[in-house]
Amino acid sequence: MIGERMTVAEMSKKYPNEWLFIIQPKTREDTTHLVSGIVQVHSKSRDDVYEASRKFKGDAAIRWTGDDTSQERSPKMPLYRPRSLN
């Protein structure tokens, strides 16, 4: 079952300090700035989210919802993988 579409602010509020694997991402026009999407996987573990991303085909993004200065936020996020690169 696919979850509901949420804005980035809603995701951060619902899943604080977690890694998110986001499907059907919507971005600002002509950018890769994430605006909304559907959270497919969320976890405190970056490895769980990366594992889910390896199995997925299509547009997706990975985002850390914690403090930007946190050690967890390396490498820089969000990552965006356009369908055309799959």
C-alpha atoms as a PDB file:
ATOM      1  CA  MET A   1       0.000   0.000   0.000  1.00  0.00           C
ATOM      2  CA  ILE A   2       1.403   3.357  -1.018  1.00  0.00           C
ATOM      3  CA  GLY A   3       1.295   6.120   1.576  1.00  0.00           C
ATOM      4  CA  GLU A   4       0.014   9.626   1.186  1.00  0.00           C
ATOM      5  CA  ARG A   5       1.860  12.418  -0.577  1.00  0.00           C
ATOM      6  CA  MET A   6       3.464  14.813   1.907  1.00  0.00           C
ATOM      7  CA  THR A   7       5.435  18.016   1.680  1.00  0.00           C
ATOM      8  CA  VAL A   8       9.032  18.071   2.900  1.00  0.00           C
ATOM      9  CA  ALA A   9       7.907  19.976   6.019  1.00  0.00           C
ATOM     10  CA  GLU A  10       5.278  17.330   6.788  1.00  0.00           C
ATOM     11  CA  MET A  11       7.843  14.549   6.341  1.00  0.00           C
ATOM     12  CA  SER A  12      10.278  16.265   8.705  1.00  0.00           C
ATOM     13  CA  LYS A  13       7.577  16.675  11.337  1.00  0.00           C
ATOM     14  CA  LYS A  14       6.287  13.097  11.064  1.00  0.00           C
ATOM     15  CA  TYR A  15       9.748  11.469  10.814  1.00  0.00           C
ATOM     16  CA  PRO A  16      12.193  13.634  12.804  1.00  0.00           C
ATOM     17  CA  ASN A  17      15.874  12.638  12.684  1.00  0.00           C
ATOM     18  CA  GLU A  18      15.279   9.818  10.224  1.00  0.00           C
ATOM     19  CA  TRP A  19      16.395   8.804   6.771  1.00  0.00           C
ATOM     20  CA  LEU A  20      13.582   8.737   4.206  1.00  0.00           C
ATOM     21  CA  PHE A  21      13.295   6.913   0.907  1.00  0.00           C
ATOM     22  CA  ILE A  22      10.796   8.952  -1.095  1.00  0.00           C
ATOM     23  CA  ILE A  23       9.049   7.753  -4.236  1.00  0.00           C
ATOM     24  CA  GLN A  24       7.162   9.835  -6.813  1.00  0.00           C
ATOM     25  CA  PRO A  25       9.123  12.951  -5.812  1.00  0.00           C
ATOM     26  CA  LYS A  26       7.923  16.337  -6.998  1.00  0.00           C
ATOM     27  CA  THR A  27      10.556  19.008  -7.419  1.00  0.00           C
ATOM     28  CA  ARG A  28      10.538  22.720  -8.108  1.00  0.00           C
ATOM     29  CA  GLU A  29      10.385  23.417 -11.793  1.00  0.00           C
ATOM     30  CA  ASP A  30      13.785  23.106 -13.494  1.00  0.00           C
ATOM     31  CA  THR A  31      15.552  22.081 -10.247  1.00  0.00           C
ATOM     32  CA  THR A  32      16.121  19.019  -8.091  1.00  0.00           C
ATOM     33  CA  HIS A  33      14.802  20.838  -4.982  1.00  0.00           C
ATOM     34  CA  LEU A  34      12.393  18.348  -3.374  1.00  0.00           C
ATOM     35  CA  VAL A  35       8.904  19.721  -2.670  1.00  0.00           C
ATOM     36  CA  SER A  36       6.841  16.604  -1.912  1.00  0.00           C
ATOM     37  CA  GLY A  37       6.683  12.850  -2.311  1.00  0.00           C
ATOM     38  CA  ILE A  38       5.528   9.575  -0.808  1.00  0.00           C
ATOM     39  CA  VAL A  39       7.638   8.098   1.996  1.00  0.00           C
ATOM     40  CA  GLN A  40       8.220   4.462   1.056  1.00  0.00           C
ATOM     41  CA  VAL A  41      10.760   3.644   3.804  1.00  0.00           C
ATOM     42  CA  HIS A  42      11.845   5.558   6.908  1.00  0.00           C
ATOM     43  CA  SER A  43      14.510   4.548   9.397  1.00  0.00           C
ATOM     44  CA  LYS A  44      17.078   5.834  11.873  1.00  0.00           C
ATOM     45  CA  SER A  45      19.531   3.709   9.857  1.00  0.00           C
ATOM     46  CA  ARG A  46      20.855   5.122   6.599  1.00  0.00           C
ATOM     47  CA  ASP A  47      21.691   1.561   5.501  1.00  0.00           C
ATOM     48  CA  ASP A  48      18.007   0.506   5.620  1.00  0.00           C
ATOM     49  CA  VAL A  49      17.049   3.340   3.296  1.00  0.00           C
ATOM     50  CA  TYR A  50      19.940   2.736   0.908  1.00  0.00           C
ATOM     51  CA  GLU A  51      19.005  -0.962   0.746  1.00  0.00           C
ATOM     52  CA  ALA A  52      15.437  -0.049  -0.258  1.00  0.00           C
ATOM     53  CA  SER A  53      16.751   2.352  -2.895  1.00  0.00           C
ATOM     54  CA  ARG A  54      18.856  -0.349  -4.568  1.00  0.00           C
ATOM     55  CA  LYS A  55      15.739  -2.436  -5.228  1.00  0.00           C
ATOM     56  CA  PHE A  56      13.578   0.392  -6.582  1.00  0.00           C
ATOM     57  CA  LYS A  57      13.166   1.363 -10.231  1.00  0.00           C
ATOM     58  CA  GLY A  58      11.875   4.844 -11.002  1.00  0.00           C
ATOM     59  CA  ASP A  59      12.054   8.369  -9.664  1.00  0.00           C
ATOM     60  CA  ALA A  60      13.115   8.521  -6.029  1.00  0.00           C
ATOM     61  CA  ALA A  61      14.864  10.684  -3.461  1.00  0.00           C
ATOM     62  CA  ILE A  62      16.675  10.068  -0.178  1.00  0.00           C
ATOM     63  CA  ARG A  63      16.512  12.666   2.562  1.00  0.00           C
ATOM     64  CA  TRP A  64      17.773  13.064   6.152  1.00  0.00           C
ATOM     65  CA  THR A  65      15.282  14.980   8.314  1.00  0.00           C
ATOM     66  CA  GLY A  66      17.670  15.848  11.132  1.00  0.00           C
ATOM     67  CA  ASP A  67      19.894  18.818  11.799  1.00  0.00           C
ATOM     68  CA  ASP A  68      22.069  19.717   8.810  1.00  0.00           C
ATOM     69  CA  THR A  69      25.157  19.843  11.030  1.00  0.00           C
ATOM     70  CA  SER A  70      24.648  16.292  12.285  1.00  0.00           C
ATOM     71  CA  GLN A  71      27.286  13.683  11.531  1.00  0.00           C
ATOM     72  CA  GLU A  72      24.433  11.565  10.114  1.00  0.00           C
ATOM     73  CA  ARG A  73      24.120  13.944   7.204  1.00  0.00           C
ATOM     74  CA  SER A  74      27.137  12.794   5.268  1.00  0.00           C
ATOM     75  CA  PRO A  75      27.064  12.612   2.276  1.00  0.00           C
ATOM     76  CA  LYS A  76      24.919  15.642   1.486  1.00  0.00           C
ATOM     77  CA  MET A  77      21.231  14.922   0.927  1.00  0.00           C
ATOM     78  CA  PRO A  78      18.788  14.870  -0.710  1.00  0.00           C
ATOM     79  CA  LEU A  79      19.884  12.582  -3.474  1.00  0.00           C
ATOM     80  CA  TYR A  80      17.642  12.602  -6.500  1.00  0.00           C
ATOM     81  CA  ARG A  81      17.697   9.900  -9.130  1.00  0.00           C
ATOM     82  CA  PRO A  82      15.723  10.829 -12.242  1.00  0.00           C
ATOM     83  CA  ARG A  83      14.081   7.911 -14.031  1.00  0.00           C
ATOM     84  CA  SER A  84      16.094   8.641 -17.170  1.00  0.00           C
ATOM     85  CA  LEU A  85      19.310   7.647 -15.362  1.00  0.00           C
ATOM     86  CA  ASN A  86      18.079   4.152 -14.363  1.00  0.00           C
END
